[in-house]
């Protein structure tokens, strides 16, 4: 489903305008998370280690947890 359309398929510019910044912020946070994970894996590799298990993070601003 497109953000520009509602559940019935009609254009909904009000909802789109409200949701667009939220989706953009979530996309930015997830992009930063992927870069962070890659950086941590590279640091571990440079130190002669590898990441074996899951690493958990909490975004300080939103409180959202990534597992």
Protein backbone atom coordinates (compact mmCIF):
# COMPACT_ATOMS: atom_id res chain seq x y z
CA UNK A 1 0.00 0.00 0.00
CA UNK A 2 1.27 3.42 -0.91
CA UNK A 3 1.50 6.16 1.71
CA UNK A 4 -0.32 8.48 -0.68
CA UNK A 5 -3.46 6.33 -0.71
CA UNK A 6 -5.75 5.18 2.05
CA UNK A 7 -7.13 1.67 2.58
CA UNK A 8 -9.81 2.08 -0.09
CA UNK A 9 -7.27 3.30 -2.66
CA UNK A 10 -8.31 6.96 -2.68
CA UNK A 11 -5.70 9.72 -2.51
CA UNK A 12 -5.12 10.89 1.07
CA UNK A 13 -2.67 13.82 0.98
CA UNK A 14 -3.29 14.74 4.64
CA UNK A 15 -2.24 11.34 5.96
CA UNK A 16 0.68 11.26 3.52
CA UNK A 17 1.93 14.65 4.73
CA UNK A 18 1.64 13.49 8.36
CA UNK A 19 3.37 10.14 7.86
CA UNK A 20 6.14 11.20 5.48
CA UNK A 21 8.46 12.72 8.16
CA UNK A 22 7.88 9.75 10.47
CA UNK A 23 8.81 7.26 7.77
CA UNK A 24 11.85 9.37 6.82
CA UNK A 25 13.04 9.43 10.45
CA UNK A 26 12.59 5.66 10.81
CA UNK A 27 14.51 5.10 7.58
CA UNK A 28 17.34 7.32 8.83
CA UNK A 29 17.51 5.49 12.18
CA UNK A 30 17.60 2.10 10.44
CA UNK A 31 20.33 3.32 8.07
CA UNK A 32 22.42 4.49 11.02
CA UNK A 33 21.86 1.14 12.74
CA UNK A 34 23.11 -0.81 9.72
CA UNK A 35 26.22 1.39 9.55
CA UNK A 36 26.79 0.90 13.29
CA UNK A 37 26.55 -2.88 13.01
CA UNK A 38 28.93 -2.94 10.05
CA UNK A 39 31.39 -0.73 11.96
CA UNK A 40 31.26 -2.95 15.04
CA UNK A 41 31.85 -6.05 12.93
CA UNK A 42 34.82 -4.35 11.24
CA UNK A 43 36.31 -3.32 14.60
CA UNK A 44 35.91 -6.87 15.91
CA UNK A 45 37.57 -8.21 12.76
CA UNK A 46 40.49 -5.79 13.07
CA UNK A 47 40.99 -6.95 16.67
CA UNK A 48 41.00 -10.58 15.57
CA UNK A 49 37.46 -11.40 16.65
CA UNK A 50 34.15 -12.06 14.99
CA UNK A 51 30.63 -11.29 16.15
CA UNK A 52 28.98 -14.60 17.01
CA UNK A 53 25.70 -13.63 18.63
CA UNK A 54 23.08 -11.00 18.46
CA UNK A 55 23.87 -7.43 19.43
CA UNK A 56 20.99 -5.40 20.87
CA UNK A 57 20.65 -1.64 20.60
CA UNK A 58 18.22 0.97 21.94
CA UNK A 59 17.81 4.25 20.09
CA UNK A 60 18.21 6.95 22.76
CA UNK A 61 15.75 9.41 21.18
CA UNK A 62 12.86 7.10 20.37
CA UNK A 63 13.51 4.31 22.86
CA UNK A 64 13.03 1.82 20.03
CA UNK A 65 14.92 -1.43 20.55
CA UNK A 66 16.67 -3.35 17.79
CA UNK A 67 17.49 -7.02 18.33
